Amino acid sequence: MERRSRDDKLGGSGVGGGGGGGERTSGRPQHQPPRGPPPPPRPKFEPVDREKTCPLLLRVFTQKGAHHTKEDFAVRGKEPKDEVQIYTWKDATLRELTDLVKEVHPEARKREAKLSFAFVYPDRYGRFVVRQVGMTYSNGNKRNLDETKALSELNFQIGDYLDVAIL
Protein backbone atom coordinates (compact mmCIF):
# COMPACT_ATOMS: atom_id res chain seq x y z
CA MET A 1 0.00 0.00 0.00
CA GLU A 2 1.34 3.40 -1.01
CA ARG A 3 1.43 6.26 1.48
CA ARG A 4 0.56 9.67 0.21
CA SER A 5 1.02 13.02 1.82
CA ARG A 6 -1.89 15.31 2.66
CA ASP A 7 -1.08 17.55 -0.32
CA ASP A 8 -1.25 14.62 -2.71
CA LYS A 9 -4.68 13.65 -1.44
CA LEU A 10 -5.95 17.19 -2.04
CA GLY A 11 -4.47 17.35 -5.49
CA GLY A 12 -1.55 19.61 -4.64
CA SER A 13 2.03 19.21 -5.74
CA GLY A 14 3.40 19.04 -2.24
CA VAL A 15 5.43 22.22 -2.71
CA GLY A 16 3.84 25.61 -2.13
CA GLY A 17 0.37 24.07 -1.89
CA GLY A 18 -0.70 25.59 -5.21
CA GLY A 19 -0.52 22.56 -7.47
CA GLY A 20 -2.60 23.65 -10.44
CA GLY A 21 -0.82 26.94 -11.07
CA GLY A 22 -3.63 29.34 -10.01
CA GLU A 23 -4.54 30.44 -6.51
CA ARG A 24 -7.89 29.23 -5.23
CA THR A 25 -10.36 31.87 -4.05
CA SER A 26 -13.43 31.26 -2.01
CA GLY A 27 -15.66 33.12 -4.41
CA ARG A 28 -16.39 35.85 -1.88
CA PRO A 29 -15.80 39.46 -2.86
CA GLN A 30 -12.77 41.15 -1.36
CA HIS A 31 -13.49 43.57 1.53
CA GLN A 32 -13.66 47.14 0.26
CA PRO A 33 -13.70 50.27 2.39
CA PRO A 34 -17.18 51.80 2.84
CA ARG A 35 -18.17 54.66 0.59
CA GLY A 36 -19.63 57.95 1.73
CA PRO A 37 -19.15 59.94 4.89
CA PRO A 38 -18.13 58.19 8.08
CA PRO A 39 -20.94 57.22 10.45
CA PRO A 40 -21.71 59.68 13.25
CA PRO A 41 -19.70 59.09 16.42
CA ARG A 42 -21.36 56.93 19.04
CA PRO A 43 -22.21 58.61 22.30
CA LYS A 44 -19.58 58.21 25.00
CA PHE A 45 -22.13 56.71 27.32
CA GLU A 46 -25.22 54.60 27.03
CA PRO A 47 -28.36 56.02 28.60
CA VAL A 48 -29.62 54.07 31.59
CA ASP A 49 -33.11 52.60 31.79
CA ARG A 50 -33.99 54.09 35.15
CA GLU A 51 -37.01 51.81 35.50
CA LYS A 52 -34.90 48.65 35.29
CA THR A 53 -31.52 49.79 36.66
CA CYS A 54 -30.84 50.10 40.37
CA PRO A 55 -29.53 53.56 41.34
CA LEU A 56 -26.15 54.11 42.95
CA LEU A 57 -25.42 55.94 46.19
CA LEU A 58 -23.57 59.17 45.54
CA ARG A 59 -21.95 60.81 48.55
CA VAL A 60 -22.02 64.56 47.95
CA PHE A 61 -20.01 67.00 50.08
CA THR A 62 -20.93 70.68 49.83
CA GLN A 63 -19.03 73.72 50.98
CA LYS A 64 -19.51 77.43 50.46
CA GLY A 65 -16.62 79.35 48.89
CA ALA A 66 -14.26 76.59 47.70
CA HIS A 67 -13.84 72.87 47.26
CA HIS A 68 -12.75 70.69 50.14
CA THR A 69 -9.07 69.79 50.07
CA LYS A 70 -7.77 66.29 49.52
CA GLU A 71 -6.62 66.30 53.15
CA ASP A 72 -10.27 66.61 54.23
CA PHE A 73 -10.81 63.10 52.82
CA ALA A 74 -7.50 61.56 53.91
CA VAL A 75 -8.87 59.58 56.87
CA ARG A 76 -11.61 57.07 56.12
CA GLY A 77 -14.63 57.67 58.35
CA LYS A 78 -13.62 61.28 59.02
CA GLU A 79 -14.92 62.84 55.84
CA PRO A 80 -16.37 66.37 56.01
CA LYS A 81 -19.62 66.65 57.98
CA ASP A 82 -21.61 68.51 55.30
CA GLU A 83 -22.60 65.35 53.43
CA VAL A 84 -25.73 64.70 51.40
CA GLN A 85 -26.43 61.19 50.15
CA ILE A 86 -28.17 61.02 46.78
CA TYR A 87 -29.43 57.96 44.96
CA THR A 88 -28.93 58.51 41.26
CA TRP A 89 -27.71 56.89 38.03
CA LYS A 90 -24.53 57.28 36.00
CA ASP A 91 -26.44 59.15 33.30
CA ALA A 92 -27.47 61.94 35.72
CA THR A 93 -26.42 65.36 34.42
CA LEU A 94 -24.78 68.14 36.38
CA ARG A 95 -28.04 70.11 35.97
CA GLU A 96 -29.98 67.34 37.72
CA LEU A 97 -27.42 67.27 40.53
CA THR A 98 -27.55 71.07 40.79
CA ASP A 99 -31.30 70.92 41.34
CA LEU A 100 -30.90 68.23 44.01
CA VAL A 101 -28.25 70.23 45.87
CA LYS A 102 -30.48 73.31 45.73
CA GLU A 103 -33.20 71.37 47.58
CA VAL A 104 -30.99 70.82 50.64
CA HIS A 105 -28.54 73.73 50.65
CA PRO A 106 -30.03 77.25 50.95
CA GLU A 107 -26.85 78.96 49.64
CA ALA A 108 -27.20 77.08 46.35
CA ARG A 109 -30.67 78.59 45.80
CA LYS A 110 -29.38 82.14 45.51
CA ARG A 111 -29.88 83.65 42.08
CA GLU A 112 -26.20 84.42 41.45
CA ALA A 113 -24.83 81.16 42.89
CA LYS A 114 -22.46 79.05 40.83
CA LEU A 115 -21.83 75.40 41.67
CA SER A 116 -18.45 73.87 40.90
CA PHE A 117 -18.32 70.07 40.77
CA ALA A 118 -15.30 67.88 41.50
CA PHE A 119 -14.80 64.14 41.83
CA VAL A 120 -12.89 62.88 44.85
CA TYR A 121 -11.27 59.47 44.47
CA PRO A 122 -8.13 57.62 45.54
CA ASP A 123 -5.20 57.52 43.15
CA ARG A 124 -3.18 54.36 42.58
CA TYR A 125 -1.20 55.02 45.76
CA GLY A 126 -4.32 55.38 47.91
CA ARG A 127 -4.09 59.16 48.29
CA PHE A 128 -7.21 61.12 47.48
CA VAL A 129 -7.41 63.36 44.43
CA VAL A 130 -9.88 66.22 43.96
CA ARG A 131 -10.51 66.72 40.22
CA GLN A 132 -12.78 69.51 38.96
CA VAL A 133 -15.21 68.29 36.32
CA GLY A 134 -17.65 71.13 35.64
CA MET A 135 -19.58 74.19 36.72
CA THR A 136 -23.25 75.15 36.63
CA TYR A 137 -25.31 78.19 37.56
CA SER A 138 -28.02 77.93 40.19
CA ASN A 139 -30.65 79.52 38.00
CA GLY A 140 -31.23 77.85 34.67
CA ASN A 141 -31.03 81.11 32.71
CA LYS A 142 -27.26 81.08 32.21
CA ARG A 143 -26.79 77.78 30.40
CA ASN A 144 -23.36 76.36 29.77
CA LEU A 145 -22.03 73.18 28.23
CA ASP A 146 -21.26 71.53 31.56
CA GLU A 147 -24.94 71.33 32.55
CA THR A 148 -25.66 68.61 30.02
CA LYS A 149 -22.65 66.45 30.92
CA ALA A 150 -23.51 63.14 32.55
CA LEU A 151 -21.51 61.50 35.33
CA SER A 152 -20.45 58.69 33.01
CA GLU A 153 -19.21 61.18 30.39
CA LEU A 154 -16.99 62.71 33.06
CA ASN A 155 -15.46 59.29 33.88
CA PHE A 156 -17.29 58.91 37.17
CA GLN A 157 -16.80 55.53 38.79
CA ILE A 158 -19.06 54.04 41.42
CA GLY A 159 -17.51 54.78 44.80
CA ASP A 160 -16.20 58.24 43.88
CA TYR A 161 -17.36 61.15 46.02
CA LEU A 162 -18.77 64.35 44.57
CA ASP A 163 -17.55 67.62 46.05
CA VAL A 164 -19.64 70.71 45.31
CA ALA A 165 -18.30 74.20 45.94
CA ILE A 166 -21.02 76.86 46.10
CA LEU A 167 -19.48 80.06 44.77
C-alpha atoms as a PDB file:
ATOM      1  CA  MET A   1       0.000   0.000   0.000  1.00  0.00           C
ATOM      2  CA  GLU A   2       1.338   3.396  -1.006  1.00  0.00           C
ATOM      3  CA  ARG A   3       1.435   6.256   1.479  1.00  0.00           C
ATOM      4  CA  ARG A   4       0.561   9.674   0.209  1.00  0.00           C
ATOM      5  CA  SER A   5       1.025  13.020   1.820  1.00  0.00           C
ATOM      6  CA  ARG A   6      -1.890  15.306   2.660  1.00  0.00           C
ATOM      7  CA  ASP A   7      -1.078  17.549  -0.319  1.00  0.00           C
ATOM      8  CA  ASP A   8      -1.248  14.617  -2.715  1.00  0.00           C
ATOM      9  CA  LYS A   9      -4.682  13.652  -1.438  1.00  0.00           C
ATOM     10  CA  LEU A  10      -5.952  17.191  -2.039  1.00  0.00           C
ATOM     11  CA  GLY A  11      -4.470  17.354  -5.492  1.00  0.00           C
ATOM     12  CA  GLY A  12      -1.553  19.607  -4.635  1.00  0.00           C
ATOM     13  CA  SER A  13       2.030  19.207  -5.736  1.00  0.00           C
ATOM     14  CA  GLY A  14       3.399  19.043  -2.245  1.00  0.00           C
ATOM     15  CA  VAL A  15       5.431  22.220  -2.707  1.00  0.00           C
ATOM     16  CA  GLY A  16       3.837  25.609  -2.126  1.00  0.00           C
ATOM     17  CA  GLY A  17       0.371  24.074  -1.886  1.00  0.00           C
ATOM     18  CA  GLY A  18      -0.697  25.590  -5.209  1.00  0.00           C
ATOM     19  CA  GLY A  19      -0.524  22.556  -7.468  1.00  0.00           C
ATOM     20  CA  GLY A  20      -2.596  23.654 -10.441  1.00  0.00           C
ATOM     21  CA  GLY A  21      -0.823  26.940 -11.071  1.00  0.00           C
ATOM     22  CA  GLY A  22      -3.628  29.337 -10.009  1.00  0.00           C
ATOM     23  CA  GLU A  23      -4.536  30.443  -6.511  1.00  0.00           C
ATOM     24  CA  ARG A  24      -7.890  29.233  -5.235  1.00  0.00           C
ATOM     25  CA  THR A  25     -10.362  31.871  -4.047  1.00  0.00           C
ATOM     26  CA  SER A  26     -13.428  31.259  -2.008  1.00  0.00           C
ATOM     27  CA  GLY A  27     -15.659  33.124  -4.410  1.00  0.00           C
ATOM     28  CA  ARG A  28     -16.389  35.853  -1.877  1.00  0.00           C
ATOM     29  CA  PRO A  29     -15.800  39.465  -2.858  1.00  0.00           C
ATOM     30  CA  GLN A  30     -12.771  41.149  -1.359  1.00  0.00           C
ATOM     31  CA  HIS A  31     -13.494  43.569   1.526  1.00  0.00           C
ATOM     32  CA  GLN A  32     -13.656  47.138   0.262  1.00  0.00           C
ATOM     33  CA  PRO A  33     -13.696  50.271   2.386  1.00  0.00           C
ATOM     34  CA  PRO A  34     -17.180  51.797   2.836  1.00  0.00           C
ATOM     35  CA  ARG A  35     -18.169  54.661   0.592  1.00  0.00           C
ATOM     36  CA  GLY A  36     -19.629  57.951   1.727  1.00  0.00           C
ATOM     37  CA  PRO A  37     -19.151  59.941   4.891  1.00  0.00           C
ATOM     38  CA  PRO A  38     -18.127  58.190   8.084  1.00  0.00           C
ATOM     39  CA  PRO A  39     -20.935  57.224  10.448  1.00  0.00           C
ATOM     40  CA  PRO A  40     -21.712  59.680  13.252  1.00  0.00           C
ATOM     41  CA  PRO A  41     -19.702  59.087  16.419  1.00  0.00           C
ATOM     42  CA  ARG A  42     -21.355  56.927  19.038  1.00  0.00           C
ATOM     43  CA  PRO A  43     -22.209  58.610  22.303  1.00  0.00           C
ATOM     44  CA  LYS A  44     -19.576  58.210  25.004  1.00  0.00           C
ATOM     45  CA  PHE A  45     -22.130  56.705  27.321  1.00  0.00           C
ATOM     46  CA  GLU A  46     -25.215  54.599  27.029  1.00  0.00           C
ATOM     47  CA  PRO A  47     -28.362  56.019  28.601  1.00  0.00           C
ATOM     48  CA  VAL A  48     -29.624  54.074  31.594  1.00  0.00           C
ATOM     49  CA  ASP A  49     -33.105  52.600  31.794  1.00  0.00           C
ATOM     50  CA  ARG A  50     -33.994  54.092  35.154  1.00  0.00           C
ATOM     51  CA  GLU A  51     -37.013  51.815  35.500  1.00  0.00           C
ATOM     52  CA  LYS A  52     -34.900  48.654  35.289  1.00  0.00           C
ATOM     53  CA  THR A  53     -31.523  49.791  36.656  1.00  0.00           C
ATOM     54  CA  CYS A  54     -30.838  50.096  40.375  1.00  0.00           C
ATOM     55  CA  PRO A  55     -29.534  53.558  41.341  1.00  0.00           C
ATOM     56  CA  LEU A  56     -26.149  54.105  42.946  1.00  0.00           C
ATOM     57  CA  LEU A  57     -25.420  55.937  46.186  1.00  0.00           C
ATOM     58  CA  LEU A  58     -23.573  59.174  45.538  1.00  0.00           C
ATOM     59  CA  ARG A  59     -21.948  60.811  48.551  1.00  0.00           C
ATOM     60  CA  VAL A  60     -22.022  64.564  47.949  1.00  0.00           C
ATOM     61  CA  PHE A  61     -20.012  67.001  50.082  1.00  0.00           C
ATOM     62  CA  THR A  62     -20.933  70.681  49.827  1.00  0.00           C
ATOM     63  CA  GLN A  63     -19.029  73.720  50.982  1.00  0.00           C
ATOM     64  CA  LYS A  64     -19.505  77.434  50.457  1.00  0.00           C
ATOM     65  CA  GLY A  65     -16.622  79.354  48.889  1.00  0.00           C
ATOM     66  CA  ALA A  66     -14.264  76.593  47.699  1.00  0.00           C
ATOM     67  CA  HIS A  67     -13.837  72.870  47.260  1.00  0.00           C
ATOM     68  CA  HIS A  68     -12.747  70.693  50.141  1.00  0.00           C
ATOM     69  CA  THR A  69      -9.075  69.792  50.073  1.00  0.00           C
ATOM     70  CA  LYS A  70      -7.771  66.293  49.520  1.00  0.00           C
ATOM     71  CA  GLU A  71      -6.620  66.302  53.148  1.00  0.00           C
ATOM     72  CA  ASP A  72     -10.267  66.609  54.233  1.00  0.00           C
ATOM     73  CA  PHE A  73     -10.808  63.102  52.823  1.00  0.00           C
ATOM     74  CA  ALA A  74      -7.499  61.564  53.908  1.00  0.00           C
ATOM     75  CA  VAL A  75      -8.870  59.582  56.872  1.00  0.00           C
ATOM     76  CA  ARG A  76     -11.606  57.066  56.116  1.00  0.00           C
ATOM     77  CA  GLY A  77     -14.627  57.671  58.345  1.00  0.00           C
ATOM     78  CA  LYS A  78     -13.621  61.279  59.023  1.00  0.00           C
ATOM     79  CA  GLU A  79     -14.916  62.836  55.835  1.00  0.00           C
ATOM     80  CA  PRO A  80     -16.372  66.368  56.014  1.00  0.00           C
ATOM     81  CA  LYS A  81     -19.615  66.648  57.977  1.00  0.00           C
ATOM     82  CA  ASP A  82     -21.607  68.508  55.305  1.00  0.00           C
ATOM     83  CA  GLU A  83     -22.596  65.349  53.433  1.00  0.00           C
ATOM     84  CA  VAL A  84     -25.726  64.698  51.401  1.00  0.00           C
ATOM     85  CA  GLN A  85     -26.433  61.194  50.151  1.00  0.00           C
ATOM     86  CA  ILE A  86     -28.175  61.020  46.785  1.00  0.00           C
ATOM     87  CA  TYR A  87     -29.427  57.961  44.961  1.00  0.00           C
ATOM     88  CA  THR A  88     -28.929  58.510  41.256  1.00  0.00           C
ATOM     89  CA  TRP A  89     -27.714  56.891  38.025  1.00  0.00           C
ATOM     90  CA  LYS A  90     -24.534  57.277  36.001  1.00  0.00           C
ATOM     91  CA  ASP A  91     -26.444  59.155  33.302  1.00  0.00           C
ATOM     92  CA  ALA A  92     -27.469  61.940  35.716  1.00  0.00           C
ATOM     93  CA  THR A  93     -26.420  65.356  34.423  1.00  0.00           C
ATOM     94  CA  LEU A  94     -24.783  68.138  36.377  1.00  0.00           C
ATOM     95  CA  ARG A  95     -28.038  70.111  35.973  1.00  0.00           C
ATOM     96  CA  GLU A  96     -29.977  67.336  37.722  1.00  0.00           C
ATOM     97  CA  LEU A  97     -27.425  67.266  40.526  1.00  0.00           C
ATOM     98  CA  THR A  98     -27.549  71.066  40.793  1.00  0.00           C
ATOM     99  CA  ASP A  99     -31.297  70.918  41.340  1.00  0.00           C
ATOM    100  CA  LEU A 100     -30.904  68.231  44.011  1.00  0.00           C
ATOM    101  CA  VAL A 101     -28.247  70.228  45.875  1.00  0.00           C
ATOM    102  CA  LYS A 102     -30.476  73.309  45.734  1.00  0.00           C
ATOM    103  CA  GLU A 103     -33.202  71.374  47.583  1.00  0.00           C
ATOM    104  CA  VAL A 104     -30.994  70.817  50.643  1.00  0.00           C
ATOM    105  CA  HIS A 105     -28.542  73.726  50.649  1.00  0.00           C
ATOM    106  CA  PRO A 106     -30.028  77.255  50.953  1.00  0.00           C
ATOM    107  CA  GLU A 107     -26.854  78.963  49.642  1.00  0.00           C
ATOM    108  CA  ALA A 108     -27.201  77.083  46.355  1.00  0.00           C
ATOM    109  CA  ARG A 109     -30.670  78.590  45.799  1.00  0.00           C
ATOM    110  CA  LYS A 110     -29.381  82.143  45.505  1.00  0.00           C
ATOM    111  CA  ARG A 111     -29.878  83.653  42.083  1.00  0.00           C
ATOM    112  CA  GLU A 112     -26.197  84.420  41.454  1.00  0.00           C
ATOM    113  CA  ALA A 113     -24.832  81.162  42.893  1.00  0.00           C
ATOM    114  CA  LYS A 114     -22.464  79.046  40.833  1.00  0.00           C
ATOM    115  CA  LEU A 115     -21.828  75.397  41.669  1.00  0.00           C
ATOM    116  CA  SER A 116     -18.449  73.872  40.902  1.00  0.00           C
ATOM    117  CA  PHE A 117     -18.323  70.067  40.766  1.00  0.00           C
ATOM    118  CA  ALA A 118     -15.301  67.885  41.503  1.00  0.00           C
ATOM    119  CA  PHE A 119     -14.803  64.136  41.827  1.00  0.00           C
ATOM    120  CA  VAL A 120     -12.895  62.875  44.847  1.00  0.00           C
ATOM    121  CA  TYR A 121     -11.274  59.465  44.467  1.00  0.00           C
ATOM    122  CA  PRO A 122      -8.134  57.616  45.538  1.00  0.00           C
ATOM    123  CA  ASP A 123      -5.199  57.524  43.150  1.00  0.00           C
ATOM    124  CA  ARG A 124      -3.183  54.356  42.577  1.00  0.00           C
ATOM    125  CA  TYR A 125      -1.196  55.023  45.764  1.00  0.00           C
ATOM    126  CA  GLY A 126      -4.323  55.380  47.914  1.00  0.00           C
ATOM    127  CA  ARG A 127      -4.085  59.165  48.293  1.00  0.00           C
ATOM    128  CA  PHE A 128      -7.210  61.117  47.484  1.00  0.00           C
ATOM    129  CA  VAL A 129      -7.410  63.359  44.431  1.00  0.00           C
ATOM    130  CA  VAL A 130      -9.883  66.220  43.957  1.00  0.00           C
ATOM    131  CA  ARG A 131     -10.512  66.721  40.222  1.00  0.00           C
ATOM    132  CA  GLN A 132     -12.785  69.508  38.963  1.00  0.00           C
ATOM    133  CA  VAL A 133     -15.213  68.292  36.316  1.00  0.00           C
ATOM    134  CA  GLY A 134     -17.650  71.127  35.644  1.00  0.00           C
ATOM    135  CA  MET A 135     -19.577  74.195  36.716  1.00  0.00           C
ATOM    136  CA  THR A 136     -23.246  75.155  36.631  1.00  0.00           C
ATOM    137  CA  TYR A 137     -25.310  78.188  37.562  1.00  0.00           C
ATOM    138  CA  SER A 138     -28.016  77.935  40.193  1.00  0.00           C
ATOM    139  CA  ASN A 139     -30.653  79.517  37.997  1.00  0.00           C
ATOM    140  CA  GLY A 140     -31.231  77.847  34.666  1.00  0.00           C
ATOM    141  CA  ASN A 141     -31.026  81.114  32.708  1.00  0.00           C
ATOM    142  CA  LYS A 142     -27.258  81.076  32.214  1.00  0.00           C
ATOM    143  CA  ARG A 143     -26.793  77.776  30.404  1.00  0.00           C
ATOM    144  CA  ASN A 144     -23.360  76.365  29.775  1.00  0.00           C
ATOM    145  CA  LEU A 145     -22.031  73.178  28.235  1.00  0.00           C
ATOM    146  CA  ASP A 146     -21.257  71.530  31.564  1.00  0.00           C
ATOM    147  CA  GLU A 147     -24.938  71.330  32.553  1.00  0.00           C
ATOM    148  CA  THR A 148     -25.663  68.612  30.023  1.00  0.00           C
ATOM    149  CA  LYS A 149     -22.653  66.448  30.920  1.00  0.00           C
ATOM    150  CA  ALA A 150     -23.513  63.138  32.554  1.00  0.00           C
ATOM    151  CA  LEU A 151     -21.506  61.502  35.330  1.00  0.00           C
ATOM    152  CA  SER A 152     -20.451  58.691  33.005  1.00  0.00           C
ATOM    153  CA  GLU A 153     -19.206  61.183  30.393  1.00  0.00           C
ATOM    154  CA  LEU A 154     -16.992  62.713  33.059  1.00  0.00           C
ATOM    155  CA  ASN A 155     -15.462  59.292  33.878  1.00  0.00           C
ATOM    156  CA  PHE A 156     -17.285  58.910  37.169  1.00  0.00           C
ATOM    157  CA  GLN A 157     -16.795  55.525  38.795  1.00  0.00           C
ATOM    158  CA  ILE A 158     -19.056  54.043  41.421  1.00  0.00           C
ATOM    159  CA  GLY A 159     -17.505  54.775  44.799  1.00  0.00           C
ATOM    160  CA  ASP A 160     -16.200  58.243  43.876  1.00  0.00           C
ATOM    161  CA  TYR A 161     -17.360  61.152  46.022  1.00  0.00           C
ATOM    162  CA  LEU A 162     -18.767  64.352  44.569  1.00  0.00           C
ATOM    163  CA  ASP A 163     -17.546  67.624  46.050  1.00  0.00           C
ATOM    164  CA  VAL A 164     -19.642  70.709  45.309  1.00  0.00           C
ATOM    165  CA  ALA A 165     -18.304  74.205  45.943  1.00  0.00           C
ATOM    166  CA  ILE A 166     -21.017  76.859  46.099  1.00  0.00           C
ATOM    167  CA  LEU A 167     -19.480  80.064  44.770  1.00  0.00           C
END
